[in-house]
């Protein structure tokens, strides 16, 4: 794991595999008893065959292997998993949510504009690409980022904030210039903001 640049406890691999198998179960790719057995939990299969010295019938072994093979797309950690529709939908929702809560922009507006321009609906992969591009533009050109995070206490005097996404190694100079940390993202980037005049 260390050679691959993963600095977590080995348990995270088990947790990841179990979570992905649960997703595969929800899609009908594996039965619950097989999932329990593969994960090493005490379940129907374990209870039934433990008296037989843990020996499963050959046809059951083949059935478990077949179910496990059907789950490979959920267990993969390479681009195969990245391409799954489930992951794309989750990424789309995460990008929308992040843009709305941290940057106060609605990426749905960009999607609608793009679909009008090309006169068709965007595929999920195109939608992800569009959203990432919009967020990247804000990172490169912070002036495009709306400073609409206004706090108006009395309806006349409003406080406006400028927001940016920065990398951890860029953070100290921002903090020294009066920026405040808003949130650390799973991507490793950090949302910061400061009050503008």
Foldseek 3Di string as FASTA:
>chain_A
DVVVVDDDPPVVLLVQVLVLVVVCVVVVLDPPVLSCVVSPHDDDVCVVCVVVVPDDPPVVVVVSVNSVVSSCCSSDPDCSVVPDPVNLVVLLVVLQVCCCPQQVDGLVVVQVVVCVVVVHHDDSVVSSVSSVVVLVCCQVPVVPGDQPPWDDDPVPDIWTKRKHKAAPVVPPVCVVVPWAWDAQDPVRITMIMHTDD
